[in-house]
C-alpha atoms as a PDB file:
ATOM      1  CA  MET A   1      -0.193   0.322  -0.337  1.00  0.00           C
ATOM      2  CA  LEU A   2       2.282   1.909   1.135  1.00  0.00           C
ATOM      3  CA  ARG A   3       4.522   1.741  -2.755  1.00  0.00           C
ATOM      4  CA  VAL A   4       1.017   2.856  -4.416  1.00  0.00           C
ATOM      5  CA  LEU A   5       0.279   5.946  -2.286  1.00  0.00           C
ATOM      6  CA  PHE A   6       4.454   6.711  -3.359  1.00  0.00           C
ATOM      7  CA  LEU A   7       4.030   6.187  -6.743  1.00  0.00           C
ATOM      8  CA  GLY A   8       0.798   8.661  -6.516  1.00  0.00           C
ATOM      9  CA  PHE A   9       3.083  11.433  -5.280  1.00  0.00           C
ATOM     10  CA  GLY A  10       5.108  10.400  -7.601  1.00  0.00           C
ATOM     11  CA  LEU A  11       2.870  10.589 -11.046  1.00  0.00           C
ATOM     12  CA  CYS A  12       1.056  13.532  -9.418  1.00  0.00           C
ATOM     13  CA  ALA A  13       4.528  15.323  -9.263  1.00  0.00           C
ATOM     14  CA  LEU A  14       5.208  14.659 -12.866  1.00  0.00           C
ATOM     15  CA  GLY A  15       2.032  15.856 -14.045  1.00  0.00           C
ATOM     16  CA  GLY A  16       2.744  19.425 -12.772  1.00  0.00           C
ATOM     17  CA  GLY A  17       6.251  19.640 -13.825  1.00  0.00           C
ATOM     18  CA  ALA A  18       3.821  18.984 -17.070  1.00  0.00           C
ATOM     19  CA  ASN A  19       2.239  21.609 -16.462  1.00  0.00           C
ATOM     20  CA  ALA A  20       4.640  24.210 -16.496  1.00  0.00           C
ATOM     21  CA  GLN A  21       5.825  23.909 -19.691  1.00  0.00           C
ATOM     22  CA  ALA A  22       1.928  24.433 -21.156  1.00  0.00           C
ATOM     23  CA  PRO A  23       2.034  27.381 -21.882  1.00  0.00           C
ATOM     24  CA  SER A  24       4.689  27.483 -23.660  1.00  0.00           C
ATOM     25  CA  THR A  25       3.668  24.597 -25.523  1.00  0.00           C
ATOM     26  CA  ALA A  26       0.367  26.351 -26.143  1.00  0.00           C
ATOM     27  CA  ALA A  27       1.882  29.229 -26.872  1.00  0.00           C
ATOM     28  CA  ALA A  28       4.483  27.230 -30.391  1.00  0.00           C
ATOM     29  CA  ILE A  29       1.330  25.254 -31.122  1.00  0.00           C
ATOM     30  CA  LEU A  30      -1.122  29.495 -31.231  1.00  0.00           C
ATOM     31  CA  ALA A  31       2.057  30.730 -33.493  1.00  0.00           C
ATOM     32  CA  GLU A  32       1.596  28.189 -35.542  1.00  0.00           C
ATOM     33  CA  ALA A  33      -1.220  29.719 -37.802  1.00  0.00           C
ATOM     34  CA  CYS A  34       0.761  32.777 -37.782  1.00  0.00           C
ATOM     35  CA  PHE A  35       3.654  30.637 -40.154  1.00  0.00           C
ATOM     36  CA  GLY A  36       1.279  29.896 -43.199  1.00  0.00           C
ATOM     37  CA  CYS A  37       1.581  33.469 -44.181  1.00  0.00           C
ATOM     38  CA  HIS A  38       4.315  34.374 -42.131  1.00  0.00           C
ATOM     39  CA  GLY A  39       6.946  32.180 -43.608  1.00  0.00           C
ATOM     40  CA  PRO A  40       8.485  28.931 -41.274  1.00  0.00           C
ATOM     41  CA  ASN A  41       9.022  30.625 -37.657  1.00  0.00           C
ATOM     42  CA  GLY A  42       7.821  33.978 -38.994  1.00  0.00           C
ATOM     43  CA  GLN A  43      11.314  35.098 -41.738  1.00  0.00           C
ATOM     44  CA  GLY A  44       8.631  36.408 -43.522  1.00  0.00           C
ATOM     45  CA  ALA A  45       7.199  34.981 -46.965  1.00  0.00           C
ATOM     46  CA  THR A  46       6.092  36.208 -50.092  1.00  0.00           C
ATOM     47  CA  GLY A  47       2.808  38.856 -48.828  1.00  0.00           C
ATOM     48  CA  GLY A  48       3.807  38.307 -46.043  1.00  0.00           C
ATOM     49  CA  ALA A  49       5.910  40.115 -43.907  1.00  0.00           C
ATOM     50  CA  ALA A  50       8.416  38.636 -41.509  1.00  0.00           C
ATOM     51  CA  ILE A  51       7.267  39.216 -37.583  1.00  0.00           C
ATOM     52  CA  ALA A  52      10.344  37.009 -36.137  1.00  0.00           C
ATOM     53  CA  GLY A  53      12.165  38.888 -33.542  1.00  0.00           C
ATOM     54  CA  ARG A  54      10.445  41.974 -33.895  1.00  0.00           C
ATOM     55  CA  ASP A  55       9.358  43.765 -30.323  1.00  0.00           C
ATOM     56  CA  LYS A  56       6.239  41.321 -28.867  1.00  0.00           C
ATOM     57  CA  ALA A  57       4.845  44.970 -26.949  1.00  0.00           C
ATOM     58  CA  GLU A  58       4.493  46.156 -30.772  1.00  0.00           C
ATOM     59  CA  LEU A  59       3.185  42.054 -31.474  1.00  0.00           C
ATOM     60  CA  ALA A  60       0.140  42.317 -29.318  1.00  0.00           C
ATOM     61  CA  ALA A  61      -0.475  46.253 -30.476  1.00  0.00           C
ATOM     62  CA  ALA A  62      -0.760  44.725 -33.436  1.00  0.00           C
ATOM     63  CA  LEU A  63      -2.798  42.459 -33.472  1.00  0.00           C
ATOM     64  CA  LEU A  64      -5.279  44.215 -30.465  1.00  0.00           C
ATOM     65  CA  ALA A  65      -5.456  46.462 -33.974  1.00  0.00           C
ATOM     66  CA  PHE A  66      -6.751  44.048 -36.171  1.00  0.00           C
ATOM     67  CA  ARG A  67      -9.112  43.050 -33.370  1.00  0.00           C
ATOM     68  CA  SER A  68     -11.420  45.575 -33.062  1.00  0.00           C
ATOM     69  CA  ASN A  69     -10.430  46.721 -36.739  1.00  0.00           C
ATOM     70  CA  GLU A  70      -8.665  49.788 -36.365  1.00  0.00           C
ATOM     71  CA  ARG A  71      -5.867  48.472 -38.082  1.00  0.00           C
ATOM     72  CA  THR A  72      -6.889  46.799 -41.424  1.00  0.00           C
ATOM     73  CA  GLY A  73      -5.357  43.408 -43.401  1.00  0.00           C
ATOM     74  CA  THR A  74      -6.478  41.354 -45.769  1.00  0.00           C
ATOM     75  CA  ILE A  75      -6.958  39.031 -43.614  1.00  0.00           C
ATOM     76  CA  MET A  76      -5.556  39.584 -40.223  1.00  0.00           C
ATOM     77  CA  GLY A  77      -8.258  40.963 -38.709  1.00  0.00           C
ATOM     78  CA  ARG A  78     -10.676  37.703 -39.379  1.00  0.00           C
ATOM     79  CA  ILE A  79      -7.948  36.095 -37.376  1.00  0.00           C
ATOM     80  CA  ALA A  80      -7.085  38.303 -34.021  1.00  0.00           C
ATOM     81  CA  ARG A  81     -10.504  37.701 -33.978  1.00  0.00           C
ATOM     82  CA  GLY A  82     -10.131  34.279 -33.040  1.00  0.00           C
ATOM     83  CA  TYR A  83      -7.667  34.645 -30.268  1.00  0.00           C
ATOM     84  CA  SER A  84      -8.376  36.491 -26.234  1.00  0.00           C
ATOM     85  CA  ASP A  85      -6.203  39.231 -24.516  1.00  0.00           C
ATOM     86  CA  PRO A  86      -4.073  36.103 -23.288  1.00  0.00           C
ATOM     87  CA  GLU A  87      -4.075  34.209 -26.616  1.00  0.00           C
ATOM     88  CA  ILE A  88      -2.954  37.346 -28.025  1.00  0.00           C
ATOM     89  CA  ALA A  89       0.041  37.729 -25.519  1.00  0.00           C
ATOM     90  CA  ALA A  90       1.513  34.632 -25.542  1.00  0.00           C
ATOM     91  CA  ILE A  91       1.965  34.340 -29.537  1.00  0.00           C
ATOM     92  CA  ALA A  92       3.337  37.846 -29.672  1.00  0.00           C
ATOM     93  CA  ASP A  93       5.377  36.496 -26.628  1.00  0.00           C
ATOM     94  CA  HIS A  94       6.676  33.467 -28.410  1.00  0.00           C
ATOM     95  CA  ILE A  95       7.079  35.257 -32.091  1.00  0.00           C
ATOM     96  CA  ALA A  96       9.402  38.162 -30.213  1.00  0.00           C
ATOM     97  CA  ARG A  97      11.508  35.030 -29.100  1.00  0.00           C
ATOM     98  CA  LEU A  98      11.988  33.566 -32.419  1.00  0.00           C
ATOM     99  CA  ARG A  99      15.284  34.763 -34.173  1.00  0.00           C
END
C-alpha cells in the first residue's frame, strides 16, 4: 500500500512539471497559425511580413488593432478576432523570441 501511495505522489509531481511548460507549448501551437502567411518561424514569405524577433509589445498591439478593426489587413482582422487577450500576449511573446 505504501508503494502505491509513493507512486501516486510521484506521478502527481511529474504531472505538475508537464503543466509548468504548457503555456510555452500552447503559445508555440497558437503561433503555428501565423507561419502559413508569415513564413517558417515568422521569417517572412511572399505577401507576409517577417514577424520573428519583433518587439512583443509591438506584435501584441498590432494583433489587438487588427482585432478591433483599428488596423486594416486582408485577413488579419478575422484571424485576430479568434484570439483572447491572454492568447494574443502568448503569441506575441513567442514570436518575439524567435530568431
